Amino acid sequence: MPAPNVTAIRKPTDLPGGSENPRITLSTVTTPVRHELVAVERAIQAQLKSDVALISQMGAYLVAAGGKRLRPITVLLAAHSIGYQGKDHIALAAVVELIHTATLLHDDVVDESTLRRGRETANAVWGNAASVLVGDFIYSRSFEMMVATNRMRVMEIMAATTNAIAEGEVLQLLNTQSLALDEADYLRTINRKTARLFQSASQLGAVVAGASSAAEKTLAQYGLELGTVFQLIDDILDYTSQATDMGKNAGDDLAEGKPTLPVIYAFQKGDAIQRAVLENAIINADRSKLPEVLEVIESTGALAYTLALAQKHATKAQEALEALPDSDYRIALSKLVDFAFARSF
């Protein structure tokens, strides 16, 4: 059966921010910080250079692959949303993206992925050893940049964040090719693996602006909810999008034996035959079973359930923003939630 179009089960009124356009563009979100994003990109490029030729070569490849840059966008918007006027947020936005890049390098090795952002993964081009080592280099570079900001709170946040990300990766590894976990287990994993870095991105915006602990807490909550929305929609898109849209192969989670929420929910709600289909596909990490798995997760309402949960977290993110002063940056943060919820890539 053809992959269902996830946008078909969304209505404009589903958008937590009340947008009339369920396919809001990222360029609309970034309008207030467009020029600063150019500076962030330059900072990223500078930090990915080294006297070691292979590092510079891989760094250039990673930069050329692009990406949505949602995490650095979050840093910039969060800082300005509470009145920041300096320049240190540029470096911190680059730090967050570098850490994200390092985790992707390591993820692709663990998952044996071959396609990301529409091109071959670094490990497919240079091998696993080079990808792991360059990922380590990028991690260390990001911490050098943090030290240069001379803000201990930044170090505290990001040290805890990188630990949490590693724990999330291990939890995911432990649950690979198994359907023994439930929804709470899965949400605990994505909280650490994905949402935590979004949380830190928002939090760093408050820290660099010297905001109150209340403002830091508000932005941290916003980022956590935003990151959860992002991952839940990612889970849906893995089963419903084409490689040309997502920049990676459809059914990658299935091929890697990763039980994401649509499968977990379908397994809990399905009958014996449906559960057997899902269990066989996940345990054997069998992408060829994608059509059968899609049929089960659709018939059990798993896609709609996952979308509804994403909407719930999107609403929480929007509610967190109510504590911030009115500004174009707060509006952009709201639009960022809409984008994360309604995106198709």
Protein backbone atom coordinates (compact mmCIF):
# COMPACT_ATOMS: atom_id res chain seq x y z
CA MET A 1 0.00 0.00 0.00
CA PRO A 2 1.24 3.57 -0.61
CA ALA A 3 2.50 5.55 2.35
CA PRO A 4 -0.25 7.71 3.84
CA ASN A 5 0.13 11.47 3.66
CA VAL A 6 0.39 12.67 7.24
CA THR A 7 -0.68 16.19 6.32
CA ALA A 8 -4.01 14.72 5.26
CA ILE A 9 -4.83 13.92 8.90
CA ARG A 10 -4.05 17.47 10.02
CA LYS A 11 -6.38 20.42 9.78
CA PRO A 12 -5.36 24.08 10.03
CA THR A 13 -7.16 24.23 13.37
CA ASP A 14 -4.87 21.49 14.65
CA LEU A 15 -2.03 24.00 14.84
CA PRO A 16 -1.50 25.00 18.46
CA GLY A 17 -0.61 28.58 17.56
CA GLY A 18 -3.80 29.03 15.61
CA SER A 19 -2.03 29.60 12.30
CA GLU A 20 -4.20 29.48 9.21
CA ASN A 21 -1.33 27.88 7.30
CA PRO A 22 -0.54 24.31 8.39
CA ARG A 23 2.63 24.37 6.28
CA ILE A 24 4.36 27.45 7.70
CA THR A 25 7.80 27.92 6.18
CA LEU A 26 11.03 28.02 8.12
CA SER A 27 12.01 31.27 6.41
CA THR A 28 8.99 32.92 8.03
CA VAL A 29 10.19 31.75 11.43
CA THR A 30 13.73 33.02 10.95
CA THR A 31 12.92 36.50 9.62
CA PRO A 32 13.91 38.35 12.85
CA VAL A 33 17.30 36.59 13.06
CA ARG A 34 18.12 35.97 9.41
CA HIS A 35 21.34 38.02 9.43
CA GLU A 36 22.49 36.45 12.70
CA LEU A 37 22.04 32.98 11.22
CA VAL A 38 24.63 33.91 8.61
CA ALA A 39 27.05 34.73 11.44
CA VAL A 40 26.24 31.43 13.14
CA GLU A 41 26.98 29.57 9.91
CA ARG A 42 30.35 31.30 9.63
CA ALA A 43 31.16 30.35 13.22
CA ILE A 44 30.27 26.71 12.54
CA GLN A 45 32.46 26.64 9.45
CA ALA A 46 35.39 28.15 11.34
CA GLN A 47 35.16 25.59 14.13
CA LEU A 48 35.09 22.67 11.69
CA LYS A 49 38.51 23.55 10.29
CA SER A 50 41.70 21.87 11.47
CA ASP A 51 45.33 21.35 10.54
CA VAL A 52 44.34 17.70 10.16
CA ALA A 53 43.13 17.56 6.58
CA LEU A 54 40.54 14.82 7.07
CA ILE A 55 38.80 16.82 9.80
CA SER A 56 38.54 19.88 7.56
CA GLN A 57 37.38 17.74 4.65
CA MET A 58 34.64 16.07 6.67
CA GLY A 59 33.74 19.40 8.24
CA ALA A 60 33.21 21.00 4.84
CA TYR A 61 31.08 18.01 3.80
CA LEU A 62 28.90 18.33 6.89
CA VAL A 63 28.40 22.07 6.41
CA ALA A 64 27.51 21.58 2.75
CA ALA A 65 24.85 19.07 3.77
CA GLY A 66 23.01 21.93 5.44
CA GLY A 67 20.15 21.25 7.81
CA LYS A 68 17.22 23.11 9.30
CA ARG A 69 19.36 24.69 12.07
CA LEU A 70 16.37 24.61 14.41
CA ARG A 71 18.47 24.47 17.55
CA PRO A 72 20.60 27.54 16.82
CA ILE A 73 17.46 29.35 15.66
CA THR A 74 15.98 28.56 19.06
CA VAL A 75 19.02 30.02 20.87
CA LEU A 76 18.86 33.26 18.89
CA LEU A 77 15.12 33.77 19.25
CA ALA A 78 15.11 32.86 22.94
CA ALA A 79 17.88 35.34 23.74
CA HIS A 80 16.15 38.18 21.91
CA SER A 81 12.74 37.29 23.35
CA ILE A 82 13.91 38.64 26.69
CA GLY A 83 15.76 41.63 25.32
CA TYR A 84 19.33 40.47 24.69
CA GLN A 85 21.40 42.94 22.65
CA GLY A 86 24.90 41.41 22.69
CA LYS A 87 26.72 38.96 20.42
CA ASP A 88 27.61 35.99 22.63
CA HIS A 89 24.43 34.21 21.57
CA ILE A 90 26.00 33.69 18.13
CA ALA A 91 28.73 31.48 19.61
CA LEU A 92 26.24 29.59 21.77
CA ALA A 93 23.98 28.98 18.78
CA ALA A 94 26.98 27.50 16.96
CA VAL A 95 27.83 25.39 20.02
CA VAL A 96 24.39 23.81 20.08
CA GLU A 97 24.53 22.99 16.37
CA LEU A 98 28.03 21.53 16.69
CA ILE A 99 26.89 19.24 19.49
CA HIS A 100 23.91 18.20 17.39
CA THR A 101 26.26 17.48 14.47
CA ALA A 102 28.53 15.36 16.65
CA THR A 103 25.58 13.30 17.87
CA LEU A 104 24.46 12.73 14.26
CA LEU A 105 27.91 11.45 13.31
CA HIS A 106 27.84 8.99 16.18
CA ASP A 107 24.18 8.07 15.55
CA ASP A 108 24.86 7.20 11.93
CA VAL A 109 27.66 4.86 12.96
CA VAL A 110 25.52 3.11 15.58
CA ASP A 111 22.55 2.88 13.20
CA GLU A 112 24.67 2.00 10.16
CA SER A 113 22.82 4.75 8.28
CA THR A 114 23.82 5.57 4.72
CA LEU A 115 21.64 8.59 3.89
CA ARG A 116 21.08 11.86 5.74
CA ARG A 117 19.93 15.25 4.46
CA GLY A 118 19.67 13.80 0.98
CA ARG A 119 23.28 12.68 0.65
CA GLU A 120 25.55 9.89 1.82
CA THR A 121 26.37 9.91 5.52
CA ALA A 122 29.94 10.65 6.59
CA ASN A 123 30.40 7.05 7.73
CA ALA A 124 29.28 5.83 4.30
CA VAL A 125 31.96 8.01 2.69
CA TRP A 126 34.87 7.82 5.16
CA GLY A 127 34.03 4.84 7.35
CA ASN A 128 32.96 4.40 10.96
CA ALA A 129 36.31 5.08 12.62
CA ALA A 130 36.72 8.49 10.99
CA SER A 131 33.13 9.45 11.81
CA VAL A 132 33.49 8.57 15.48
CA LEU A 133 36.79 10.42 15.84
CA VAL A 134 35.62 13.54 14.01
CA GLY A 135 32.46 13.47 16.11
CA ASP A 136 34.69 13.49 19.19
CA PHE A 137 36.65 16.41 17.74
CA ILE A 138 33.45 18.40 17.20
CA TYR A 139 32.33 17.72 20.76
CA SER A 140 35.64 19.00 22.11
CA ARG A 141 35.52 22.07 19.85
CA SER A 142 32.08 22.94 21.16
CA PHE A 143 33.34 22.82 24.74
CA GLU A 144 36.28 25.05 23.82
CA MET A 145 33.76 27.58 22.56
CA MET A 146 31.76 27.32 25.77
CA VAL A 147 34.85 27.95 27.88
CA ALA A 148 35.53 31.07 25.82
CA THR A 149 32.16 32.53 26.86
CA ASN A 150 33.37 32.50 30.48
CA ARG A 151 29.94 31.51 31.78
CA MET A 152 29.91 28.62 34.24
CA ARG A 153 26.13 28.26 33.92
CA VAL A 154 26.58 27.51 30.22
CA MET A 155 29.06 24.76 31.07
CA GLU A 156 26.73 23.31 33.71
CA ILE A 157 23.80 23.16 31.32
CA MET A 158 25.68 21.68 28.39
CA ALA A 159 27.67 19.16 30.45
CA ALA A 160 24.40 17.82 31.85
CA THR A 161 22.84 17.91 28.39
CA THR A 162 25.56 15.89 26.68
CA ASN A 163 25.36 13.33 29.48
CA ALA A 164 21.59 13.10 29.01
CA ILE A 165 21.95 12.69 25.25
CA ALA A 166 24.40 9.82 25.76
CA GLU A 167 22.02 8.18 28.22
CA GLY A 168 19.20 8.54 25.71
CA GLU A 169 21.29 6.89 23.02
CA VAL A 170 22.08 3.98 25.33
CA LEU A 171 18.41 3.59 26.28
CA GLN A 172 17.51 3.50 22.60
CA LEU A 173 20.22 0.92 21.96
CA LEU A 174 18.91 -1.27 24.79
CA ASN A 175 15.41 -1.15 23.32
CA THR A 176 16.46 -1.90 19.74
CA GLN A 177 14.69 -4.88 18.15
CA SER A 178 12.34 -5.18 21.11
CA LEU A 179 8.76 -4.22 21.86
CA ALA A 180 9.07 -4.61 25.62
CA LEU A 181 8.92 -0.84 26.24
CA ASP A 182 5.78 1.21 26.74
CA GLU A 183 4.93 4.82 25.94
CA ALA A 184 6.43 6.14 29.19
CA ASP A 185 9.70 4.35 28.46
CA TYR A 186 9.79 5.81 24.98
CA LEU A 187 9.04 9.36 26.09
CA ARG A 188 11.79 9.06 28.69
CA THR A 189 14.22 8.10 25.93
CA ILE A 190 13.31 10.92 23.53
CA ASN A 191 13.33 13.40 26.40
CA ARG A 192 17.04 12.72 26.80
CA LYS A 193 17.99 11.90 23.23
CA THR A 194 16.22 14.75 21.42
CA ALA A 195 14.17 17.12 23.56
CA ARG A 196 16.94 17.89 26.02
CA LEU A 197 19.09 19.69 23.44
CA PHE A 198 16.15 21.86 22.39
CA GLN A 199 15.57 22.60 26.06
CA SER A 200 19.18 23.65 26.47
CA ALA A 201 19.07 25.77 23.33
CA SER A 202 16.19 27.78 24.78
CA GLN A 203 17.79 27.87 28.20
CA LEU A 204 21.07 29.23 26.85
CA GLY A 205 19.16 32.13 25.36
CA ALA A 206 18.04 33.08 28.85
CA VAL A 207 21.47 32.55 30.37
CA VAL A 208 23.33 34.67 27.84
CA ALA A 209 20.83 37.47 28.43
CA GLY A 210 21.33 37.32 32.19
CA ALA A 211 17.65 36.57 32.68
CA SER A 212 15.98 35.65 35.95
CA SER A 213 15.71 32.04 37.05
CA ALA A 214 11.98 32.24 36.30
CA ALA A 215 12.65 33.30 32.70
CA GLU A 216 15.26 30.57 32.33
CA LYS A 217 12.77 28.01 33.60
CA THR A 218 10.09 29.29 31.22
CA LEU A 219 12.33 29.03 28.18
CA ALA A 220 13.65 25.64 29.27
CA GLN A 221 10.08 24.34 29.45
CA TYR A 222 9.32 25.77 26.02
CA GLY A 223 12.36 24.07 24.52
CA LEU A 224 11.57 20.73 26.13
CA GLU A 225 8.05 20.74 24.69
CA LEU A 226 9.29 21.93 21.29
CA GLY A 227 11.85 19.12 21.16
CA THR A 228 9.21 16.56 22.06
CA VAL A 229 6.97 17.82 19.25
CA PHE A 230 9.86 17.64 16.83
CA GLN A 231 10.65 14.01 17.67
CA LEU A 232 7.04 12.80 17.64
CA ILE A 233 6.49 14.33 14.21
CA ASP A 234 9.78 12.76 13.11
CA ASP A 235 8.38 9.39 14.21
CA ILE A 236 5.32 9.93 12.03
CA LEU A 237 7.30 11.15 9.04
CA ASP A 238 9.57 8.10 9.12
CA TYR A 239 6.53 6.02 8.18
CA THR A 240 4.76 8.49 5.91
CA SER A 241 7.29 10.56 3.95
CA GLN A 242 9.41 9.97 0.90
CA ALA A 243 13.21 10.02 0.96
CA THR A 244 13.17 13.05 -1.33
CA ASP A 245 11.25 15.01 1.32
CA MET A 246 12.98 13.81 4.46
CA GLY A 247 16.51 13.51 3.11
CA LYS A 248 16.73 9.99 4.52
CA ASN A 249 15.17 6.67 3.66
CA ALA A 250 11.56 6.05 4.60
CA GLY A 251 11.27 3.26 7.14
CA ASP A 252 14.75 3.82 8.59
CA ASP A 253 13.43 3.30 12.13
CA LEU A 254 11.97 -0.03 11.09
CA ALA A 255 15.16 -1.06 9.28
CA GLU A 256 17.14 -0.25 12.43
CA GLY A 257 14.73 -2.15 14.68
CA LYS A 258 13.72 1.02 16.55
CA PRO A 259 10.28 0.85 18.15
CA THR A 260 8.98 4.44 17.99
CA LEU A 261 5.63 5.59 19.35
CA PRO A 262 3.47 4.69 16.32
CA VAL A 263 4.67 1.09 16.54
CA ILE A 264 4.53 0.96 20.36
CA TYR A 265 0.93 2.22 20.38
CA ALA A 266 -0.12 -0.08 17.53
CA PHE A 267 1.45 -3.05 19.32
CA GLN A 268 -0.52 -2.28 22.47
CA LYS A 269 -3.82 -1.78 20.63
CA GLY A 270 -3.53 -4.39 17.88
CA ASP A 271 -4.93 -7.90 17.80
CA ALA A 272 -2.75 -11.01 17.91
CA ILE A 273 -2.14 -11.04 14.15
CA GLN A 274 -1.26 -7.34 14.05
CA ARG A 275 1.05 -7.69 17.04
CA ALA A 276 2.82 -10.56 15.32
CA VAL A 277 3.36 -8.43 12.20
CA LEU A 278 4.92 -5.64 14.24
CA GLU A 279 7.01 -7.93 16.41
CA ASN A 280 8.40 -9.78 13.41
CA ALA A 281 9.29 -6.54 11.62
CA ILE A 282 10.97 -4.89 14.63
CA ILE A 283 12.83 -7.93 15.93
CA ASN A 284 14.18 -8.69 12.47
CA ALA A 285 14.71 -5.00 11.58
CA ASP A 286 13.00 -5.74 8.29
CA ARG A 287 12.30 -2.72 6.06
CA SER A 288 10.58 -4.96 3.51
CA LYS A 289 7.71 -5.28 6.00
CA LEU A 290 7.02 -1.54 5.82
CA PRO A 291 3.72 -1.88 3.87
CA GLU A 292 2.33 -4.38 6.40
CA VAL A 293 3.51 -2.28 9.33
CA LEU A 294 1.93 0.84 7.81
CA GLU A 295 -1.36 -0.99 7.47
CA VAL A 296 -1.29 -1.96 11.14
CA ILE A 297 -0.32 1.45 12.51
CA GLU A 298 -3.02 3.10 10.39
CA SER A 299 -5.78 0.66 11.30
CA THR A 300 -5.02 0.93 15.03
CA GLY A 301 -5.05 4.73 14.96
CA ALA A 302 -1.40 4.92 15.95
CA LEU A 303 -0.55 7.79 13.60
CA ALA A 304 -3.50 9.86 14.79
CA TYR A 305 -2.60 9.11 18.41
CA THR A 306 1.01 10.18 17.92
CA LEU A 307 -0.12 13.35 16.15
CA ALA A 308 -2.53 14.16 18.98
CA LEU A 309 0.24 13.73 21.53
CA ALA A 310 2.49 16.02 19.48
CA GLN A 311 -0.29 18.60 19.45
CA LYS A 312 -0.61 18.34 23.23
CA HIS A 313 3.08 19.11 23.68
CA ALA A 314 2.88 21.89 21.09
CA THR A 315 0.10 23.50 23.11
CA LYS A 316 2.27 23.31 26.22
CA ALA A 317 5.11 25.01 24.35
CA GLN A 318 2.78 27.80 23.27
CA GLU A 319 1.49 28.19 26.81
CA ALA A 320 5.02 28.56 28.14
CA LEU A 321 5.56 31.51 25.80
CA GLU A 322 2.71 33.41 27.45
CA ALA A 323 5.07 34.32 30.29
CA LEU A 324 7.36 36.21 27.89
CA PRO A 325 6.88 39.85 26.87
CA ASP A 326 5.23 40.52 23.53
CA SER A 327 7.75 40.87 20.70
CA ASP A 328 8.50 39.74 17.17
CA TYR A 329 10.85 37.16 18.71
CA ARG A 330 8.14 35.65 20.87
CA ILE A 331 5.91 35.46 17.78
CA ALA A 332 8.73 33.71 15.92
CA LEU A 333 9.14 31.21 18.77
CA SER A 334 5.42 30.50 18.46
CA LYS A 335 5.76 30.02 14.71
CA LEU A 336 8.67 27.66 15.34
CA VAL A 337 6.30 25.39 17.25
CA ASP A 338 3.85 25.53 14.34
CA PHE A 339 6.65 24.63 11.94
CA ALA A 340 7.84 21.70 14.07
CA PHE A 341 4.29 20.38 14.22
CA ALA A 342 3.30 20.85 10.57
CA ARG A 343 6.61 20.15 8.83
CA SER A 344 7.00 17.57 6.09
CA PHE A 345 10.81 17.25 6.30
